[in-house]
Amino acid sequence: MAKKKNYYILFMILIIFLIIMFSLFGVKNLKAGKNKAIIIIGDSSVWQYENSNWTNLTFKSSLQQLSWKKYNIYSNRNKLGNYYLWYNDKWYAFDKNKDSVDISDDMFAYSANFDLNIKNFEVQNTDIDDYISYVLESNDISSFDDFSSIYKFKIDVNGDNVDEDFYLISNAFSFNSDSAKTFSIAFMVKDNNIYYIYKDISDNKYFNGCKPFYNFFFDINSDGVLELVLSCSKFSDGGQTDMLYTYDDNGYKISFSN
């Protein structure tokens, strides 16, 4: 009788343990599996997120099926509102009265069955500090070059209430650069350690390559850790490359691109 009672107690402990584990992890994974979103980055990328997987939508017929639906629209990382989008070789925005809405800066829009939790950040021009000096020296780049981009900003990417520093330095498309190299480097500083995000160094061919910029940070799976969209614009109308980065203890790594 006592042995049967012990089995019953062990069985109940196992059931309680499984309930706790499902509450901690199962519900979250089940919810993540049902999350669906459409993300539109200017006129360069349309990404579909479903069952934790990403897909590029490129066919015009697929894009037109997304027309006349409401999206949360951002411009220059500030929310403009909830508007309809219509596609015809590029995206056009309209309000509920079907009046056109002007979006003068780069657009970021999404439609999802969950809160994407977008984080704003303020980019600031900066001087060459110890971290920039170290990166330049490590990559054999002169600190006297003519920079077309040199800025930084702070944002907490993993929910520990401590801001990480993000930098970008580039001489891409500089009219005054005499450097033999074209370079663009994006990196993060966390706990005084440098983590490269994007690095492109090549022989200077005037306006070759592309000029990167931090586009958006958002939490796609509600885990408190921010994903990053880094975009890279080519000279004139050469197009734009959009890259999705995910974060782990080793920094940001690219996981998807258009």
Protein backbone atom coordinates (compact mmCIF):
# COMPACT_ATOMS: atom_id res chain seq x y z
CA MET A 1 0.00 0.00 0.00
CA ALA A 2 2.82 2.37 0.95
CA LYS A 3 4.63 1.51 -2.31
CA LYS A 4 1.50 2.34 -4.32
CA LYS A 5 1.19 5.63 -2.46
CA ASN A 6 4.81 6.51 -3.29
CA TYR A 7 4.15 5.85 -7.00
CA TYR A 8 1.12 8.12 -6.80
CA ILE A 9 3.18 10.90 -5.18
CA LEU A 10 5.92 10.55 -7.82
CA PHE A 11 3.30 10.62 -10.57
CA MET A 12 1.76 13.82 -9.19
CA ILE A 13 5.20 15.43 -8.88
CA LEU A 14 5.88 14.55 -12.53
CA ILE A 15 2.53 16.01 -13.62
CA ILE A 16 3.18 19.23 -11.67
CA PHE A 17 6.69 19.45 -13.17
CA LEU A 18 5.33 19.05 -16.72
CA ILE A 19 2.66 21.69 -16.10
CA ILE A 20 5.29 24.14 -14.82
CA MET A 21 7.64 23.49 -17.76
CA PHE A 22 4.81 23.90 -20.26
CA SER A 23 3.79 27.15 -18.58
CA LEU A 24 7.35 28.45 -18.76
CA PHE A 25 8.28 27.29 -22.25
CA GLY A 26 5.45 25.49 -24.01
CA VAL A 27 2.95 28.33 -24.10
CA LYS A 28 5.64 30.73 -25.30
CA ASN A 29 6.76 28.38 -28.09
CA LEU A 30 3.15 27.67 -29.07
CA LYS A 31 2.44 31.38 -29.25
CA ALA A 32 5.62 32.01 -31.27
CA GLY A 33 4.56 29.30 -33.70
CA LYS A 34 1.27 31.07 -34.37
CA ASN A 35 2.80 34.52 -34.79
CA LYS A 36 2.42 35.93 -38.28
CA ALA A 37 3.65 39.24 -39.65
CA ILE A 38 4.30 41.13 -42.87
CA ILE A 39 7.19 43.59 -42.71
CA ILE A 40 7.70 46.17 -45.45
CA ILE A 41 10.98 48.09 -45.67
CA GLY A 42 10.60 50.98 -48.08
CA ASP A 43 10.32 49.72 -51.63
CA SER A 44 13.21 47.30 -51.26
CA SER A 45 11.92 44.43 -49.11
CA VAL A 46 8.73 42.64 -48.10
CA TRP A 47 9.27 39.90 -45.51
CA GLN A 48 6.79 37.38 -44.23
CA TYR A 49 7.26 35.93 -40.75
CA GLU A 50 5.33 32.76 -39.92
CA ASN A 51 6.01 29.81 -37.61
CA SER A 52 9.36 31.38 -36.68
CA ASN A 53 10.45 31.34 -40.35
CA TRP A 54 11.20 34.21 -42.72
CA THR A 55 10.33 34.44 -46.41
CA ASN A 56 11.07 37.06 -49.06
CA LEU A 57 7.98 38.09 -51.01
CA THR A 58 9.14 39.22 -54.44
CA PHE A 59 6.46 38.40 -57.02
CA LYS A 60 4.30 41.35 -57.99
CA SER A 61 1.17 39.23 -57.68
CA SER A 62 2.06 38.37 -54.07
CA LEU A 63 2.73 42.02 -53.24
CA GLN A 64 -0.51 43.18 -54.81
CA GLN A 65 -2.41 40.77 -52.57
CA LEU A 66 -1.12 42.79 -49.61
CA SER A 67 -2.70 46.00 -50.96
CA TRP A 68 -5.53 47.85 -49.25
CA LYS A 69 -4.72 46.39 -45.87
CA LYS A 70 -3.87 48.38 -42.79
CA TYR A 71 -0.29 48.62 -41.58
CA ASN A 72 1.50 50.28 -38.70
CA ILE A 73 3.69 52.75 -40.56
CA TYR A 74 6.91 54.34 -39.32
CA SER A 75 9.09 56.98 -40.93
CA ASN A 76 12.54 57.91 -39.67
CA ARG A 77 11.85 55.50 -36.78
CA ASN A 78 8.82 57.50 -35.62
CA LYS A 79 5.31 56.09 -35.87
CA LEU A 80 3.10 57.93 -38.35
CA GLY A 81 -0.05 55.93 -37.73
CA ASN A 82 -2.16 53.08 -39.01
CA TYR A 83 -2.79 53.44 -42.75
CA TYR A 84 -3.69 51.45 -45.84
CA LEU A 85 -0.93 50.53 -48.28
CA TRP A 86 -1.35 49.94 -51.99
CA TYR A 87 1.31 48.43 -54.25
CA ASN A 88 2.01 49.29 -57.88
CA ASP A 89 5.78 48.92 -58.43
CA LYS A 90 6.16 50.90 -55.18
CA TRP A 91 4.11 51.42 -52.04
CA TYR A 92 1.58 54.22 -51.58
CA ALA A 93 -0.15 55.07 -48.28
CA PHE A 94 -3.77 56.16 -47.81
CA ASP A 95 -5.95 57.08 -44.84
CA LYS A 96 -9.41 55.67 -44.08
CA ASN A 97 -10.93 58.13 -46.57
CA LYS A 98 -8.58 56.86 -49.28
CA ASP A 99 -6.74 60.21 -49.29
CA SER A 100 -3.02 59.82 -49.98
CA VAL A 101 -0.55 60.14 -47.10
CA ASP A 102 2.88 61.57 -47.85
CA ILE A 103 5.80 59.57 -46.46
CA SER A 104 8.87 61.64 -47.20
CA ASP A 105 11.47 59.52 -45.39
CA ASP A 106 12.27 55.82 -45.51
CA MET A 107 9.23 53.75 -44.59
CA PHE A 108 9.03 50.81 -42.24
CA ALA A 109 5.60 49.17 -42.01
CA TYR A 110 4.18 46.02 -40.52
CA SER A 111 0.96 44.09 -40.07
CA ALA A 112 0.94 41.37 -37.41
CA ASN A 113 -1.31 39.40 -35.10
CA PHE A 114 0.93 40.43 -32.18
CA ASP A 115 2.78 43.49 -30.93
CA LEU A 116 6.11 43.82 -32.73
CA ASN A 117 7.50 46.01 -29.91
CA ILE A 118 9.55 48.44 -31.98
CA LYS A 119 12.27 50.40 -30.14
CA ASN A 120 13.22 53.92 -31.10
CA PHE A 121 16.78 55.25 -30.95
CA GLU A 122 18.44 58.58 -31.63
CA VAL A 123 21.47 58.55 -33.93
CA GLN A 124 24.13 61.15 -33.09
CA ASN A 125 27.25 62.23 -34.91
CA THR A 126 30.31 61.55 -32.84
CA ASP A 127 34.04 62.19 -32.67
CA ILE A 128 36.69 59.50 -32.89
CA ASP A 129 36.87 57.88 -29.46
CA ASP A 130 38.94 54.97 -28.11
CA TYR A 131 36.65 52.32 -29.61
CA ILE A 132 36.62 53.89 -33.07
CA SER A 133 40.39 54.38 -32.92
CA TYR A 134 40.87 50.72 -32.04
CA VAL A 135 38.61 49.54 -34.88
CA LEU A 136 40.32 51.82 -37.41
CA GLU A 137 43.79 50.76 -36.34
CA SER A 138 42.82 47.05 -36.30
CA ASN A 139 41.62 47.33 -39.88
CA ASP A 140 44.55 49.45 -41.11
CA ILE A 141 42.37 52.52 -41.76
CA SER A 142 43.61 56.06 -41.24
CA SER A 143 41.77 58.19 -38.69
CA PHE A 144 42.40 61.19 -41.00
CA ASP A 145 40.18 59.83 -43.74
CA ASP A 146 37.08 61.73 -44.83
CA PHE A 147 34.13 59.98 -43.20
CA SER A 148 30.73 60.02 -44.86
CA SER A 149 29.24 58.46 -41.70
CA ILE A 150 30.56 58.46 -38.16
CA TYR A 151 27.91 58.15 -35.47
CA LYS A 152 26.77 56.23 -32.42
CA PHE A 153 23.71 55.68 -30.26
CA LYS A 154 22.64 53.71 -27.19
CA ILE A 155 19.92 51.09 -26.83
CA ASP A 156 19.23 48.19 -24.46
CA VAL A 157 19.04 45.12 -26.70
CA ASN A 158 18.65 42.29 -24.20
CA GLY A 159 16.40 43.73 -21.50
CA ASP A 160 19.01 43.95 -18.74
CA ASN A 161 18.43 47.72 -18.30
CA VAL A 162 21.97 48.43 -19.48
CA ASP A 163 22.40 50.26 -22.79
CA GLU A 164 24.76 48.95 -25.44
CA ASP A 165 26.68 51.38 -27.68
CA PHE A 166 26.28 51.05 -31.43
CA TYR A 167 28.68 52.66 -33.91
CA LEU A 168 28.93 53.08 -37.63
CA ILE A 169 31.92 54.45 -39.53
CA SER A 170 32.16 54.70 -43.31
CA ASN A 171 33.77 56.66 -46.14
CA ALA A 172 31.42 55.20 -48.76
CA PHE A 173 30.38 57.75 -51.41
CA SER A 174 32.63 60.42 -49.93
CA PHE A 175 33.61 63.00 -52.53
CA ASN A 176 36.70 64.10 -50.59
CA SER A 177 38.23 60.76 -49.64
CA ASP A 178 41.73 60.05 -50.99
CA SER A 179 41.83 56.66 -49.31
CA ALA A 180 42.87 53.59 -51.28
CA LYS A 181 40.08 51.73 -49.49
CA THR A 182 36.34 52.04 -49.28
CA PHE A 183 35.18 50.91 -45.86
CA SER A 184 31.95 50.57 -43.92
CA ILE A 185 32.01 49.12 -40.41
CA ALA A 186 29.15 48.74 -37.95
CA PHE A 187 29.88 47.43 -34.48
CA MET A 188 28.46 47.17 -30.98
CA VAL A 189 30.23 47.75 -27.66
CA LYS A 190 28.99 45.69 -24.71
CA ASP A 191 30.85 45.40 -21.41
CA ASN A 192 33.82 47.16 -23.06
CA ASN A 193 34.03 44.44 -25.73
CA ILE A 194 33.71 45.17 -29.46
CA TYR A 195 31.36 43.01 -31.53
CA TYR A 196 31.42 43.52 -35.30
CA ILE A 197 28.03 43.59 -37.00
CA TYR A 198 28.91 44.57 -40.55
CA LYS A 199 32.33 45.04 -42.12
CA ASP A 200 33.09 45.73 -45.77
CA ILE A 201 36.56 46.89 -46.77
CA SER A 202 37.53 46.91 -50.43
CA ASP A 203 39.74 48.67 -52.95
CA ASN A 204 38.41 52.15 -53.64
CA LYS A 205 36.42 52.12 -56.86
CA TYR A 206 34.90 55.54 -56.25
CA PHE A 207 31.23 54.72 -55.66
CA ASN A 208 31.31 50.97 -55.39
CA GLY A 209 29.81 49.03 -52.52
CA CYS A 210 27.02 50.40 -50.36
CA LYS A 211 26.56 52.65 -47.36
CA PRO A 212 24.97 50.91 -44.34
CA PHE A 213 22.69 52.36 -41.69
CA TYR A 214 20.83 51.04 -38.67
CA ASN A 215 17.22 50.82 -39.75
CA PHE A 216 15.10 49.29 -36.98
CA PHE A 217 15.22 47.32 -33.74
CA PHE A 218 12.23 45.19 -32.77
CA ASP A 219 11.31 42.14 -30.71
CA ILE A 220 9.71 39.63 -33.06
CA ASN A 221 9.21 36.73 -30.64
CA SER A 222 8.49 38.52 -27.33
CA ASP A 223 11.61 37.18 -25.63
CA GLY A 224 12.86 40.62 -24.54
CA VAL A 225 15.78 40.49 -27.00
CA LEU A 226 15.81 42.85 -29.97
CA GLU A 227 16.31 41.84 -33.58
CA LEU A 228 18.06 44.37 -35.82
CA VAL A 229 17.48 45.44 -39.41
CA LEU A 230 20.64 46.87 -40.95
CA SER A 231 20.15 48.33 -44.42
CA CYS A 232 22.80 49.16 -46.99
CA SER A 233 22.08 51.71 -49.73
CA LYS A 234 23.88 51.60 -53.03
CA PHE A 235 24.90 54.75 -54.88
CA SER A 236 22.17 56.68 -56.70
CA ASP A 237 19.29 54.32 -57.57
CA GLY A 238 21.33 51.16 -57.24
CA GLY A 239 18.92 49.65 -54.76
CA GLN A 240 19.11 48.70 -51.11
CA THR A 241 20.06 45.55 -49.25
CA ASP A 242 18.16 44.85 -46.02
CA MET A 243 19.63 42.42 -43.51
CA LEU A 244 18.00 40.92 -40.42
CA TYR A 245 20.32 40.26 -37.48
CA THR A 246 19.58 38.19 -34.39
CA TYR A 247 21.35 38.57 -31.06
CA ASP A 248 23.12 36.10 -28.80
CA ASP A 249 25.98 36.24 -26.31
CA ASN A 250 28.45 36.59 -29.19
CA GLY A 251 26.74 39.70 -30.56
CA TYR A 252 24.58 40.19 -33.65
CA LYS A 253 24.73 37.70 -36.53
CA ILE A 254 22.98 38.01 -39.88
CA SER A 255 20.17 35.50 -40.30
CA PHE A 256 18.12 36.75 -43.25
CA SER A 257 18.38 39.16 -46.16
CA ASN A 258 16.45 40.32 -49.23
